[in-house]
N, C-alpha and C. Protein backbone atom coordinates (compact mmCIF):
# COMPACT_ATOMS: atom_id res chain seq x y z
N MET A 1 -0.51 -85.00 -12.33
CA MET A 1 -1.05 -83.70 -12.63
C MET A 1 -2.55 -83.73 -12.37
N THR A 2 -3.06 -82.66 -11.80
CA THR A 2 -4.48 -82.51 -11.52
C THR A 2 -5.04 -81.41 -12.41
N ARG A 3 -6.27 -81.62 -12.88
CA ARG A 3 -6.92 -80.60 -13.72
C ARG A 3 -8.26 -80.22 -13.11
N HIS A 4 -8.57 -78.93 -13.18
CA HIS A 4 -9.87 -78.42 -12.76
C HIS A 4 -10.44 -77.63 -13.94
N GLU A 5 -11.73 -77.79 -14.18
CA GLU A 5 -12.38 -77.04 -15.24
C GLU A 5 -13.53 -76.23 -14.65
N PHE A 6 -13.65 -74.99 -15.09
CA PHE A 6 -14.66 -74.08 -14.56
C PHE A 6 -15.43 -73.43 -15.70
N THR A 7 -16.70 -73.13 -15.44
CA THR A 7 -17.47 -72.26 -16.31
C THR A 7 -17.35 -70.87 -15.72
N VAL A 8 -16.90 -69.93 -16.54
CA VAL A 8 -16.62 -68.58 -16.06
C VAL A 8 -17.38 -67.58 -16.93
N GLU A 9 -18.16 -66.73 -16.28
CA GLU A 9 -18.90 -65.69 -16.99
C GLU A 9 -18.19 -64.36 -16.85
N GLY A 10 -18.34 -63.53 -17.87
CA GLY A 10 -17.77 -62.20 -17.83
C GLY A 10 -16.57 -62.01 -18.73
N MET A 11 -16.01 -63.09 -19.26
CA MET A 11 -14.89 -62.96 -20.20
C MET A 11 -15.47 -62.64 -21.58
N SER A 12 -14.97 -61.59 -22.21
CA SER A 12 -15.52 -61.19 -23.51
C SER A 12 -14.46 -61.07 -24.61
N CYS A 13 -13.20 -61.28 -24.25
CA CYS A 13 -12.14 -61.11 -25.26
C CYS A 13 -10.86 -61.83 -24.81
N GLY A 14 -9.87 -61.77 -25.66
CA GLY A 14 -8.59 -62.38 -25.35
C GLY A 14 -7.92 -61.73 -24.14
N GLY A 15 -8.15 -60.44 -23.95
CA GLY A 15 -7.60 -59.76 -22.78
C GLY A 15 -8.17 -60.31 -21.49
N CYS A 16 -9.46 -60.64 -21.52
CA CYS A 16 -10.10 -61.25 -20.35
C CYS A 16 -9.49 -62.61 -20.06
N GLU A 17 -9.26 -63.38 -21.12
CA GLU A 17 -8.62 -64.69 -20.96
C GLU A 17 -7.26 -64.52 -20.29
N GLN A 18 -6.51 -63.52 -20.72
CA GLN A 18 -5.19 -63.29 -20.14
C GLN A 18 -5.28 -62.85 -18.69
N ASN A 19 -6.27 -62.03 -18.36
CA ASN A 19 -6.46 -61.61 -16.96
C ASN A 19 -6.70 -62.81 -16.05
N VAL A 20 -7.54 -63.73 -16.50
CA VAL A 20 -7.83 -64.93 -15.70
C VAL A 20 -6.57 -65.78 -15.59
N ALA A 21 -5.88 -65.98 -16.70
CA ALA A 21 -4.66 -66.78 -16.69
C ALA A 21 -3.61 -66.18 -15.76
N ASP A 22 -3.44 -64.86 -15.82
CA ASP A 22 -2.46 -64.20 -14.96
C ASP A 22 -2.81 -64.38 -13.48
N ALA A 23 -4.10 -64.24 -13.15
CA ALA A 23 -4.52 -64.38 -11.75
C ALA A 23 -4.26 -65.79 -11.24
N LEU A 24 -4.51 -66.78 -12.08
CA LEU A 24 -4.33 -68.17 -11.65
C LEU A 24 -2.86 -68.58 -11.59
N THR A 25 -2.06 -68.09 -12.52
CA THR A 25 -0.65 -68.50 -12.52
C THR A 25 0.14 -67.89 -11.37
N GLU A 26 -0.45 -66.93 -10.67
CA GLU A 26 0.21 -66.39 -9.48
C GLU A 26 0.14 -67.37 -8.30
N LEU A 27 -0.76 -68.35 -8.38
CA LEU A 27 -0.90 -69.34 -7.32
C LEU A 27 0.19 -70.40 -7.43
N ASP A 28 0.65 -70.89 -6.30
CA ASP A 28 1.64 -71.96 -6.30
C ASP A 28 1.05 -73.21 -6.94
N ASP A 29 1.87 -73.96 -7.63
CA ASP A 29 1.56 -75.26 -8.22
C ASP A 29 0.70 -75.20 -9.47
N VAL A 30 0.32 -74.01 -9.95
CA VAL A 30 -0.42 -73.93 -11.22
C VAL A 30 0.60 -74.03 -12.34
N GLU A 31 0.42 -75.04 -13.19
CA GLU A 31 1.35 -75.25 -14.29
C GLU A 31 0.90 -74.57 -15.57
N SER A 32 -0.41 -74.64 -15.87
CA SER A 32 -0.91 -73.99 -17.08
C SER A 32 -2.39 -73.66 -16.92
N VAL A 33 -2.81 -72.69 -17.72
CA VAL A 33 -4.21 -72.25 -17.73
C VAL A 33 -4.64 -72.11 -19.18
N GLU A 34 -5.79 -72.69 -19.49
CA GLU A 34 -6.40 -72.51 -20.81
C GLU A 34 -7.73 -71.82 -20.58
N ALA A 35 -7.87 -70.59 -21.08
CA ALA A 35 -9.11 -69.84 -20.93
C ALA A 35 -9.71 -69.62 -22.31
N ASP A 36 -11.02 -69.82 -22.42
CA ASP A 36 -11.74 -69.67 -23.68
C ASP A 36 -12.96 -68.79 -23.43
N HIS A 37 -12.88 -67.52 -23.84
CA HIS A 37 -14.00 -66.61 -23.59
C HIS A 37 -15.24 -66.97 -24.40
N GLU A 38 -15.07 -67.56 -25.57
CA GLU A 38 -16.22 -67.92 -26.39
C GLU A 38 -17.00 -69.08 -25.78
N GLY A 39 -16.30 -70.01 -25.15
CA GLY A 39 -16.95 -71.15 -24.53
C GLY A 39 -17.19 -70.98 -23.04
N ASN A 40 -16.75 -69.83 -22.50
CA ASN A 40 -16.87 -69.55 -21.06
C ASN A 40 -16.22 -70.64 -20.21
N ARG A 41 -15.10 -71.18 -20.66
CA ARG A 41 -14.42 -72.27 -19.96
C ARG A 41 -13.01 -71.86 -19.57
N VAL A 42 -12.61 -72.34 -18.39
CA VAL A 42 -11.22 -72.18 -17.93
C VAL A 42 -10.77 -73.54 -17.41
N THR A 43 -9.65 -74.02 -17.91
CA THR A 43 -9.07 -75.28 -17.46
C THR A 43 -7.72 -74.97 -16.84
N VAL A 44 -7.51 -75.49 -15.63
CA VAL A 44 -6.29 -75.24 -14.88
C VAL A 44 -5.58 -76.57 -14.64
N SER A 45 -4.31 -76.65 -15.01
CA SER A 45 -3.50 -77.84 -14.75
C SER A 45 -2.54 -77.52 -13.61
N LEU A 46 -2.50 -78.44 -12.65
CA LEU A 46 -1.74 -78.22 -11.42
C LEU A 46 -0.71 -79.31 -11.21
N ALA A 47 0.46 -78.93 -10.68
CA ALA A 47 1.48 -79.91 -10.32
C ALA A 47 1.03 -80.70 -9.10
N GLU A 48 0.45 -80.00 -8.15
CA GLU A 48 -0.08 -80.61 -6.92
C GLU A 48 -1.50 -80.12 -6.76
N ASP A 49 -2.30 -80.87 -6.03
CA ASP A 49 -3.69 -80.46 -5.86
C ASP A 49 -3.75 -79.17 -5.05
N VAL A 50 -4.52 -78.23 -5.54
CA VAL A 50 -4.77 -76.95 -4.87
C VAL A 50 -6.26 -76.92 -4.55
N PRO A 51 -6.66 -76.48 -3.38
CA PRO A 51 -8.09 -76.42 -3.08
C PRO A 51 -8.84 -75.61 -4.14
N GLU A 52 -9.96 -76.17 -4.60
CA GLU A 52 -10.74 -75.53 -5.64
C GLU A 52 -11.15 -74.11 -5.24
N GLY A 53 -11.40 -73.91 -3.95
CA GLY A 53 -11.77 -72.58 -3.47
C GLY A 53 -10.71 -71.54 -3.73
N ASN A 54 -9.44 -71.93 -3.68
CA ASN A 54 -8.35 -71.00 -3.97
C ASN A 54 -8.38 -70.58 -5.44
N LEU A 55 -8.71 -71.54 -6.31
CA LEU A 55 -8.77 -71.26 -7.74
C LEU A 55 -9.94 -70.34 -8.06
N THR A 56 -11.10 -70.66 -7.53
CA THR A 56 -12.27 -69.82 -7.81
C THR A 56 -12.09 -68.42 -7.22
N ALA A 57 -11.46 -68.33 -6.06
CA ALA A 57 -11.21 -67.01 -5.45
C ALA A 57 -10.32 -66.16 -6.34
N ALA A 58 -9.32 -66.77 -6.96
CA ALA A 58 -8.41 -66.02 -7.85
C ALA A 58 -9.16 -65.53 -9.08
N ILE A 59 -10.02 -66.37 -9.64
CA ILE A 59 -10.81 -65.97 -10.81
C ILE A 59 -11.75 -64.82 -10.45
N GLU A 60 -12.42 -64.95 -9.31
CA GLU A 60 -13.36 -63.91 -8.89
C GLU A 60 -12.64 -62.62 -8.52
N ALA A 61 -11.45 -62.72 -7.94
CA ALA A 61 -10.68 -61.52 -7.61
C ALA A 61 -10.26 -60.77 -8.88
N ALA A 62 -10.15 -61.50 -9.99
CA ALA A 62 -9.80 -60.87 -11.26
C ALA A 62 -11.02 -60.21 -11.91
N GLY A 63 -12.21 -60.41 -11.30
CA GLY A 63 -13.40 -59.71 -11.79
C GLY A 63 -14.38 -60.55 -12.58
N TYR A 64 -14.26 -61.87 -12.50
CA TYR A 64 -15.12 -62.76 -13.28
C TYR A 64 -15.90 -63.68 -12.35
N ASP A 65 -17.01 -64.21 -12.86
CA ASP A 65 -17.88 -65.05 -12.05
C ASP A 65 -17.72 -66.52 -12.41
N VAL A 66 -17.48 -67.34 -11.38
CA VAL A 66 -17.41 -68.79 -11.57
C VAL A 66 -18.82 -69.34 -11.35
N VAL A 67 -19.33 -70.08 -12.34
CA VAL A 67 -20.67 -70.64 -12.26
C VAL A 67 -20.56 -72.09 -11.82
N SER A 68 -21.35 -72.47 -10.82
CA SER A 68 -21.27 -73.86 -10.35
C SER A 68 -22.25 -74.73 -11.09
């Protein structure tokens, strides 16, 4: 299992956490997503490695900013 962790700005509530989780779980090989709006963190667990750019694109498409 591979894990990626991101700092994400723009999440302000549990609904935002769910929006990010929904966007990421639509990608192949994503097993789970833990989003924390208070800590501005998103952790993604993958069955197979997925290019990080695909993950950040999904988060940004949902309306949130990934901070590098």
